[in-house]
């Protein structure tokens, strides 16, 4: 793992770029966003103890959003390659981390499902379906 210091308002990861690492926020705050029609939509905020980019450890797919520092931040970065080596060489350390990553992903999927259901309900009430 390596420590990365990021200045306020700097881009940490760019939507569409190859996912090659996960990050943990040690201090500061970052936000995940998407840009549509020149306007920003904030998806989430991450502070100390939060992680982001974990999907890249599993599929190496493109980043699904930009992540921008809201303030000067210190991040811990682990590459997919080093994560794979950890899983292979030290499973006793990797297994608890994998369990926490699964819980984090499940929490985000549940939150996203709720948002989608809420949007669908609003569209039905507004007669947009």
Protein backbone atom coordinates (compact mmCIF):
# COMPACT_ATOMS: atom_id res chain seq x y z
CA UNK A 1 0.00 0.00 0.00
CA UNK A 2 1.11 3.54 -0.56
CA UNK A 3 0.07 6.84 0.96
CA UNK A 4 -1.21 9.50 -1.46
CA UNK A 5 -1.66 13.12 -0.47
CA UNK A 6 -4.19 15.03 -2.54
CA UNK A 7 -4.77 18.78 -2.61
CA UNK A 8 -8.27 20.20 -2.31
CA UNK A 9 -10.32 20.14 -5.54
CA UNK A 10 -7.90 17.77 -7.30
CA UNK A 11 -9.16 14.81 -9.31
CA UNK A 12 -8.27 11.51 -7.64
CA UNK A 13 -9.78 9.17 -10.25
CA UNK A 14 -11.50 9.96 -13.54
CA UNK A 15 -14.68 8.37 -14.79
CA UNK A 16 -13.96 5.94 -17.63
CA UNK A 17 -10.28 5.48 -16.77
CA UNK A 18 -9.06 1.95 -16.03
CA UNK A 19 -9.74 0.84 -12.46
CA UNK A 20 -6.45 -0.32 -11.04
CA UNK A 21 -6.60 0.50 -7.32
CA UNK A 22 -8.79 0.94 -4.26
CA UNK A 23 -8.43 3.83 -1.81
CA UNK A 24 -9.07 4.30 1.90
CA UNK A 25 -9.50 7.81 3.25
CA UNK A 26 -7.13 8.44 6.16
CA UNK A 27 -8.03 12.10 6.58
CA UNK A 28 -9.88 14.76 4.64
CA UNK A 29 -12.90 14.23 2.40
CA UNK A 30 -13.51 13.27 -1.22
CA UNK A 31 -16.68 13.05 -3.30
CA UNK A 32 -17.77 10.76 -6.09
CA UNK A 33 -19.52 12.60 -8.91
CA UNK A 34 -20.77 12.28 -12.43
CA UNK A 35 -20.99 15.12 -14.91
CA UNK A 36 -24.02 15.35 -17.19
CA UNK A 37 -24.83 18.29 -19.39
CA UNK A 38 -22.04 20.29 -17.77
CA UNK A 39 -23.60 19.85 -14.34
CA UNK A 40 -22.24 17.86 -11.43
CA UNK A 41 -24.28 15.26 -9.61
CA UNK A 42 -22.72 14.16 -6.34
CA UNK A 43 -23.10 10.45 -5.74
CA UNK A 44 -21.37 10.05 -2.37
CA UNK A 45 -18.91 11.59 0.08
CA UNK A 46 -16.11 9.66 1.72
CA UNK A 47 -14.31 10.64 4.91
CA UNK A 48 -11.84 9.03 7.30
CA UNK A 49 -12.34 5.26 7.44
CA UNK A 50 -14.31 5.09 4.17
CA UNK A 51 -13.14 3.26 1.06
CA UNK A 52 -13.79 3.78 -2.63
CA UNK A 53 -12.73 2.19 -5.89
CA UNK A 54 -13.04 -1.31 -4.49
CA UNK A 55 -14.82 -2.64 -7.59
CA UNK A 56 -11.55 -2.25 -9.47
CA UNK A 57 -9.96 -4.89 -7.27
CA UNK A 58 -12.38 -7.44 -8.65
CA UNK A 59 -13.06 -6.56 -12.27
CA UNK A 60 -10.52 -3.96 -13.44
CA UNK A 61 -13.33 -2.24 -15.32
CA UNK A 62 -13.46 1.46 -16.03
CA UNK A 63 -14.15 3.90 -13.19
CA UNK A 64 -17.87 4.54 -12.83
CA UNK A 65 -17.44 8.12 -11.55
CA UNK A 66 -14.93 10.86 -10.91
CA UNK A 67 -13.60 11.20 -7.38
CA UNK A 68 -12.54 14.71 -6.38
CA UNK A 69 -10.97 15.92 -3.12
CA UNK A 70 -13.26 18.29 -1.22
CA UNK A 71 -10.34 19.20 1.05
CA UNK A 72 -6.68 18.33 1.36
CA UNK A 73 -6.79 14.59 1.94
CA UNK A 74 -4.55 11.67 2.76
CA UNK A 75 -5.46 8.40 1.06
CA UNK A 76 -4.14 4.87 1.31
CA UNK A 77 -3.93 3.26 -2.14
CA UNK A 78 -3.73 -0.46 -2.85
CA UNK A 79 -3.36 -1.64 -6.42
CA UNK A 80 -5.30 -4.59 -7.78
CA UNK A 81 -2.02 -6.38 -8.43
CA UNK A 82 -0.88 -6.02 -4.81
CA UNK A 83 -4.33 -7.00 -3.56
CA UNK A 84 -4.22 -10.20 -5.63
CA UNK A 85 -0.78 -10.97 -4.19
CA UNK A 86 -2.09 -10.38 -0.65
CA UNK A 87 -4.99 -12.78 -1.27
CA UNK A 88 -2.64 -15.43 -2.64
CA UNK A 89 0.25 -15.09 -0.19
CA UNK A 90 -1.48 -14.06 3.05
CA UNK A 91 -5.08 -15.27 3.04
CA UNK A 92 -5.31 -14.84 6.83
CA UNK A 93 -4.95 -11.09 6.27
CA UNK A 94 -6.95 -10.95 3.05
CA UNK A 95 -10.06 -12.79 4.26
CA UNK A 96 -11.18 -10.17 6.82
CA UNK A 97 -10.52 -7.44 4.25
CA UNK A 98 -12.57 -9.30 1.63
CA UNK A 99 -15.44 -9.64 4.10
CA UNK A 100 -15.37 -5.88 4.80
CA UNK A 101 -15.26 -5.09 1.09
CA UNK A 102 -18.29 -7.34 0.51
CA UNK A 103 -20.18 -5.56 3.31
CA UNK A 104 -19.29 -2.17 1.83
CA UNK A 105 -20.45 -3.19 -1.64
CA UNK A 106 -23.68 -4.67 -0.26
CA UNK A 107 -24.40 -1.44 1.63
CA UNK A 108 -23.91 0.63 -1.52
CA UNK A 109 -26.07 -1.68 -3.62
CA UNK A 110 -28.88 -1.45 -1.06
CA UNK A 111 -28.62 2.35 -1.01
CA UNK A 112 -28.65 2.50 -4.81
CA UNK A 113 -31.66 0.15 -4.96
CA UNK A 114 -33.52 2.49 -2.58
CA UNK A 115 -32.67 5.53 -4.71
CA UNK A 116 -33.89 3.78 -7.86
CA UNK A 117 -37.11 2.71 -6.13
CA UNK A 118 -37.67 6.26 -4.87
CA UNK A 119 -37.18 7.73 -8.35
CA UNK A 120 -39.55 5.14 -9.80
CA UNK A 121 -42.21 5.94 -7.16
CA UNK A 122 -41.90 9.67 -7.86
CA UNK A 123 -42.22 9.07 -11.60
CA UNK A 124 -45.39 7.00 -11.07
CA UNK A 125 -46.95 9.62 -8.81
CA UNK A 126 -46.11 12.27 -11.40
CA UNK A 127 -47.62 10.18 -14.21
CA UNK A 128 -44.30 9.79 -16.02
CA UNK A 129 -44.43 6.02 -16.52
